[in-house]
């Protein structure tokens, strides 16, 4: 887990330091294709695992509950950040 976080923080640091290089600004399409490829390979891995396929009904309900809970939590957290950090009286107010 720390390895993944370390790679991500290293990538953020390198991206920040080299943000003005034109080549790095054109990587959006490549990143999307890479993510789709990784999702496809993950699907192949799940589909070839008999344990997961045989227990798909049980895993499916757990996954649906987790996804629903995560979505509700994200919405709630976003609402709280909007409410507490972006008050209407300070947002985009033009002073004369």
N, C-alpha and C. Protein backbone atom coordinates (compact mmCIF):
# COMPACT_ATOMS: atom_id res chain seq x y z
N UNK A 1 0.82 -1.19 0.00
CA UNK A 1 0.00 0.00 0.00
C UNK A 1 0.86 1.26 0.00
N UNK A 2 1.93 1.24 0.84
CA UNK A 2 2.80 2.40 0.88
C UNK A 2 3.56 2.57 -0.44
N UNK A 3 3.80 1.47 -1.12
CA UNK A 3 4.46 1.55 -2.42
C UNK A 3 3.59 2.30 -3.42
N UNK A 4 2.30 1.97 -3.44
CA UNK A 4 1.36 2.64 -4.36
C UNK A 4 1.28 4.12 -4.04
N UNK A 5 1.14 4.45 -2.76
CA UNK A 5 1.06 5.86 -2.36
C UNK A 5 2.37 6.57 -2.69
N UNK A 6 3.49 5.90 -2.48
CA UNK A 6 4.78 6.48 -2.81
C UNK A 6 4.92 6.78 -4.29
N UNK A 7 4.51 5.84 -5.14
CA UNK A 7 4.55 6.07 -6.59
C UNK A 7 3.65 7.24 -6.98
N UNK A 8 2.48 7.31 -6.38
CA UNK A 8 1.55 8.40 -6.71
C UNK A 8 2.13 9.76 -6.30
N UNK A 9 2.67 9.84 -5.08
CA UNK A 9 3.26 11.10 -4.63
C UNK A 9 4.48 11.48 -5.47
N UNK A 10 5.27 10.49 -5.87
CA UNK A 10 6.41 10.76 -6.74
C UNK A 10 5.94 11.29 -8.09
N UNK A 11 4.89 10.68 -8.63
CA UNK A 11 4.33 11.15 -9.90
C UNK A 11 3.79 12.56 -9.80
N UNK A 12 3.12 12.87 -8.69
CA UNK A 12 2.60 14.23 -8.49
C UNK A 12 3.74 15.23 -8.43
N UNK A 13 4.80 14.87 -7.71
CA UNK A 13 5.95 15.76 -7.58
C UNK A 13 6.63 15.99 -8.93
N UNK A 14 6.86 14.92 -9.66
CA UNK A 14 7.50 15.05 -10.99
C UNK A 14 6.59 15.85 -11.93
N UNK A 15 5.30 15.57 -11.90
CA UNK A 15 4.37 16.32 -12.74
C UNK A 15 4.36 17.80 -12.41
N UNK A 16 4.43 18.12 -11.13
CA UNK A 16 4.45 19.53 -10.72
C UNK A 16 5.75 20.21 -11.16
N UNK A 17 6.87 19.53 -10.99
CA UNK A 17 8.15 20.12 -11.36
C UNK A 17 8.29 20.34 -12.86
N UNK A 18 7.73 19.42 -13.65
CA UNK A 18 7.86 19.49 -15.11
C UNK A 18 6.55 19.87 -15.80
N UNK A 19 5.72 20.65 -15.14
CA UNK A 19 4.39 20.97 -15.66
C UNK A 19 4.42 21.86 -16.91
N UNK A 20 5.51 22.54 -17.16
CA UNK A 20 5.59 23.43 -18.32
C UNK A 20 6.11 22.74 -19.58
N UNK A 21 6.45 21.47 -19.50
CA UNK A 21 6.94 20.74 -20.67
C UNK A 21 5.73 20.34 -21.53
N UNK A 22 5.78 20.67 -22.81
CA UNK A 22 4.64 20.46 -23.70
C UNK A 22 4.26 18.99 -23.82
N UNK A 23 5.25 18.10 -23.81
CA UNK A 23 4.98 16.67 -23.96
C UNK A 23 4.08 16.16 -22.83
N UNK A 24 4.33 16.59 -21.60
CA UNK A 24 3.56 16.12 -20.47
C UNK A 24 2.14 16.68 -20.45
N UNK A 25 1.92 17.77 -21.15
CA UNK A 25 0.58 18.35 -21.20
C UNK A 25 -0.31 17.63 -22.21
N UNK A 26 0.25 16.74 -23.02
CA UNK A 26 -0.51 16.03 -24.05
C UNK A 26 -0.71 14.56 -23.69
N UNK A 27 -0.66 14.22 -22.43
CA UNK A 27 -0.75 12.82 -22.02
C UNK A 27 -2.16 12.40 -21.62
N UNK A 28 -3.13 13.29 -21.69
CA UNK A 28 -4.49 12.98 -21.23
C UNK A 28 -5.10 11.80 -21.97
N UNK A 29 -4.99 11.77 -23.30
CA UNK A 29 -5.57 10.68 -24.08
C UNK A 29 -4.85 9.36 -23.78
N UNK A 30 -3.54 9.41 -23.65
CA UNK A 30 -2.77 8.20 -23.35
C UNK A 30 -3.16 7.65 -21.97
N UNK A 31 -3.37 8.52 -21.02
CA UNK A 31 -3.77 8.07 -19.68
C UNK A 31 -5.12 7.39 -19.73
N UNK A 32 -6.07 7.96 -20.46
CA UNK A 32 -7.40 7.35 -20.58
C UNK A 32 -7.32 5.96 -21.22
N UNK A 33 -6.54 5.83 -22.27
CA UNK A 33 -6.38 4.53 -22.93
C UNK A 33 -5.74 3.53 -21.97
N UNK A 34 -4.75 3.97 -21.21
CA UNK A 34 -4.08 3.08 -20.25
C UNK A 34 -5.06 2.61 -19.17
N UNK A 35 -5.89 3.51 -18.67
CA UNK A 35 -6.87 3.13 -17.66
C UNK A 35 -7.87 2.13 -18.22
N UNK A 36 -8.34 2.35 -19.43
CA UNK A 36 -9.26 1.40 -20.06
C UNK A 36 -8.61 0.03 -20.24
N UNK A 37 -7.36 0.03 -20.63
CA UNK A 37 -6.62 -1.23 -20.79
C UNK A 37 -6.48 -1.95 -19.46
N UNK A 38 -6.16 -1.22 -18.40
CA UNK A 38 -6.05 -1.83 -17.08
C UNK A 38 -7.39 -2.39 -16.60
N UNK A 39 -8.47 -1.67 -16.85
CA UNK A 39 -9.79 -2.18 -16.48
C UNK A 39 -10.14 -3.44 -17.26
N UNK A 40 -9.78 -3.47 -18.54
CA UNK A 40 -10.02 -4.65 -19.37
C UNK A 40 -9.24 -5.85 -18.83
N UNK A 41 -7.97 -5.63 -18.49
CA UNK A 41 -7.16 -6.71 -17.94
C UNK A 41 -7.67 -7.16 -16.58
N UNK A 42 -8.18 -6.24 -15.78
CA UNK A 42 -8.80 -6.61 -14.51
C UNK A 42 -10.03 -7.47 -14.75
N UNK A 43 -10.82 -7.12 -15.76
CA UNK A 43 -11.99 -7.93 -16.11
C UNK A 43 -11.59 -9.34 -16.54
N UNK A 44 -10.53 -9.46 -17.31
CA UNK A 44 -10.04 -10.78 -17.71
C UNK A 44 -9.62 -11.57 -16.49
N UNK A 45 -8.93 -10.92 -15.57
CA UNK A 45 -8.48 -11.60 -14.35
C UNK A 45 -9.66 -12.07 -13.51
N UNK A 46 -10.67 -11.23 -13.35
CA UNK A 46 -11.86 -11.62 -12.58
C UNK A 46 -12.62 -12.72 -13.29
N UNK A 47 -12.77 -12.60 -14.59
CA UNK A 47 -13.51 -13.61 -15.35
C UNK A 47 -12.84 -14.96 -15.37
N UNK A 48 -11.54 -15.02 -15.22
CA UNK A 48 -10.85 -16.30 -15.24
C UNK A 48 -10.72 -16.92 -13.85
N UNK A 49 -11.13 -16.21 -12.82
CA UNK A 49 -11.05 -16.72 -11.46
C UNK A 49 -12.36 -17.43 -11.11
N UNK A 50 -12.30 -18.75 -11.00
CA UNK A 50 -13.51 -19.53 -10.75
C UNK A 50 -14.13 -19.23 -9.39
N UNK A 51 -13.32 -18.94 -8.40
CA UNK A 51 -13.83 -18.63 -7.07
C UNK A 51 -14.72 -17.38 -7.11
N UNK A 52 -14.27 -16.37 -7.82
CA UNK A 52 -15.07 -15.14 -7.92
C UNK A 52 -16.34 -15.40 -8.73
N UNK A 53 -16.23 -16.10 -9.83
CA UNK A 53 -17.40 -16.36 -10.68
C UNK A 53 -18.43 -17.20 -9.93
N UNK A 54 -17.99 -18.21 -9.18
CA UNK A 54 -18.93 -19.06 -8.45
C UNK A 54 -19.62 -18.32 -7.30
N UNK A 55 -18.97 -17.31 -6.75
CA UNK A 55 -19.54 -16.55 -5.64
C UNK A 55 -19.95 -15.14 -6.05
N UNK A 56 -20.24 -14.96 -7.33
CA UNK A 56 -20.55 -13.63 -7.85
C UNK A 56 -21.78 -13.02 -7.20
N UNK A 57 -22.79 -13.83 -6.88
CA UNK A 57 -24.00 -13.29 -6.26
C UNK A 57 -23.68 -12.66 -4.91
N UNK A 58 -22.92 -13.34 -4.09
CA UNK A 58 -22.56 -12.80 -2.78
C UNK A 58 -21.64 -11.59 -2.91
N UNK A 59 -20.64 -11.69 -3.78
CA UNK A 59 -19.73 -10.57 -3.98
C UNK A 59 -20.45 -9.39 -4.61
N UNK A 60 -21.39 -9.66 -5.49
CA UNK A 60 -22.12 -8.59 -6.17
C UNK A 60 -22.89 -7.71 -5.21
N UNK A 61 -23.58 -8.33 -4.26
CA UNK A 61 -24.33 -7.54 -3.28
C UNK A 61 -23.39 -6.73 -2.40
N UNK A 62 -22.31 -7.34 -1.98
CA UNK A 62 -21.34 -6.61 -1.15
C UNK A 62 -20.75 -5.44 -1.92
N UNK A 63 -20.43 -5.67 -3.17
CA UNK A 63 -19.85 -4.60 -4.00
C UNK A 63 -20.85 -3.48 -4.22
N UNK A 64 -22.12 -3.83 -4.45
CA UNK A 64 -23.15 -2.81 -4.65
C UNK A 64 -23.34 -1.97 -3.38
N UNK A 65 -23.34 -2.61 -2.24
CA UNK A 65 -23.49 -1.88 -0.97
C UNK A 65 -22.28 -0.98 -0.73
N UNK A 66 -21.09 -1.49 -0.99
CA UNK A 66 -19.89 -0.66 -0.82
C UNK A 66 -19.88 0.52 -1.78
N UNK A 67 -20.26 0.29 -3.03
CA UNK A 67 -20.27 1.37 -4.01
C UNK A 67 -21.31 2.42 -3.64
N UNK A 68 -22.48 1.99 -3.21
CA UNK A 68 -23.53 2.92 -2.82
C UNK A 68 -23.09 3.74 -1.60
N UNK A 69 -22.50 3.08 -0.62
CA UNK A 69 -22.03 3.77 0.59
C UNK A 69 -20.92 4.77 0.26
N UNK A 70 -20.00 4.37 -0.60
CA UNK A 70 -18.91 5.27 -0.98
C UNK A 70 -19.44 6.49 -1.73
N UNK A 71 -20.41 6.28 -2.61
CA UNK A 71 -21.01 7.39 -3.34
C UNK A 71 -21.71 8.35 -2.40
N UNK A 72 -22.51 7.80 -1.47
CA UNK A 72 -23.22 8.65 -0.50
C UNK A 72 -22.22 9.40 0.37
N UNK A 73 -21.15 8.75 0.81
CA UNK A 73 -20.13 9.40 1.61
C UNK A 73 -19.42 10.51 0.85
N UNK A 74 -19.15 10.29 -0.42
CA UNK A 74 -18.51 11.32 -1.23
C UNK A 74 -19.41 12.53 -1.43
N UNK A 75 -20.69 12.28 -1.66
CA UNK A 75 -21.64 13.37 -1.81
C UNK A 75 -21.74 14.17 -0.52
N UNK A 76 -21.83 13.47 0.60
CA UNK A 76 -21.92 14.14 1.89
C UNK A 76 -20.65 14.96 2.18
N UNK A 77 -19.48 14.39 1.92
CA UNK A 77 -18.23 15.11 2.15
C UNK A 77 -18.13 16.34 1.24
N UNK A 78 -18.54 16.21 -0.01
CA UNK A 78 -18.51 17.34 -0.94
C UNK A 78 -19.44 18.45 -0.48
N UNK A 79 -20.61 18.07 -0.02
CA UNK A 79 -21.57 19.05 0.48
C UNK A 79 -21.02 19.78 1.69
N UNK A 80 -20.37 19.03 2.60
CA UNK A 80 -19.81 19.66 3.80
C UNK A 80 -18.68 20.62 3.44
N UNK A 81 -17.83 20.25 2.50
CA UNK A 81 -16.75 21.14 2.08
C UNK A 81 -17.33 22.40 1.44
N UNK A 82 -18.34 22.25 0.61
CA UNK A 82 -18.99 23.39 -0.02
C UNK A 82 -19.61 24.30 1.02
N UNK A 83 -20.29 23.71 1.98
CA UNK A 83 -20.98 24.49 3.01
C UNK A 83 -20.02 25.22 3.93
N UNK A 84 -18.95 24.57 4.36
CA UNK A 84 -18.07 25.16 5.37
C UNK A 84 -16.91 25.97 4.80
N UNK A 85 -16.48 25.70 3.59
CA UNK A 85 -15.33 26.40 3.05
C UNK A 85 -15.65 27.39 1.93
N UNK A 86 -16.80 27.28 1.33
CA UNK A 86 -17.18 28.17 0.24
C UNK A 86 -18.51 28.83 0.57
N UNK A 87 -18.46 29.76 1.51
CA UNK A 87 -19.68 30.44 1.93
C UNK A 87 -20.11 31.42 0.84
N UNK A 88 -21.42 31.63 0.73
CA UNK A 88 -21.95 32.48 -0.34
C UNK A 88 -21.45 33.92 -0.25
N UNK A 89 -21.30 34.45 0.95
CA UNK A 89 -20.92 35.85 1.07
C UNK A 89 -19.45 36.11 0.71
N UNK A 90 -18.62 35.08 0.61
CA UNK A 90 -17.22 35.28 0.25
C UNK A 90 -16.88 34.75 -1.13
N UNK A 91 -17.83 34.11 -1.78
CA UNK A 91 -17.53 33.47 -3.05
C UNK A 91 -17.83 34.41 -4.21
N UNK A 92 -16.82 34.72 -4.99
CA UNK A 92 -16.95 35.53 -6.21
C UNK A 92 -17.64 36.86 -5.94
N UNK A 93 -17.35 37.47 -4.82
CA UNK A 93 -17.95 38.77 -4.50
C UNK A 93 -16.99 39.83 -4.99
N UNK A 94 -17.54 40.77 -5.73
CA UNK A 94 -16.75 41.84 -6.29
C UNK A 94 -16.83 43.04 -5.35
N UNK A 95 -15.71 43.50 -4.87
CA UNK A 95 -15.75 44.67 -3.98
C UNK A 95 -15.49 45.91 -4.78
N UNK A 96 -16.21 46.97 -4.44
CA UNK A 96 -16.08 48.24 -5.18
C UNK A 96 -15.15 49.20 -4.50
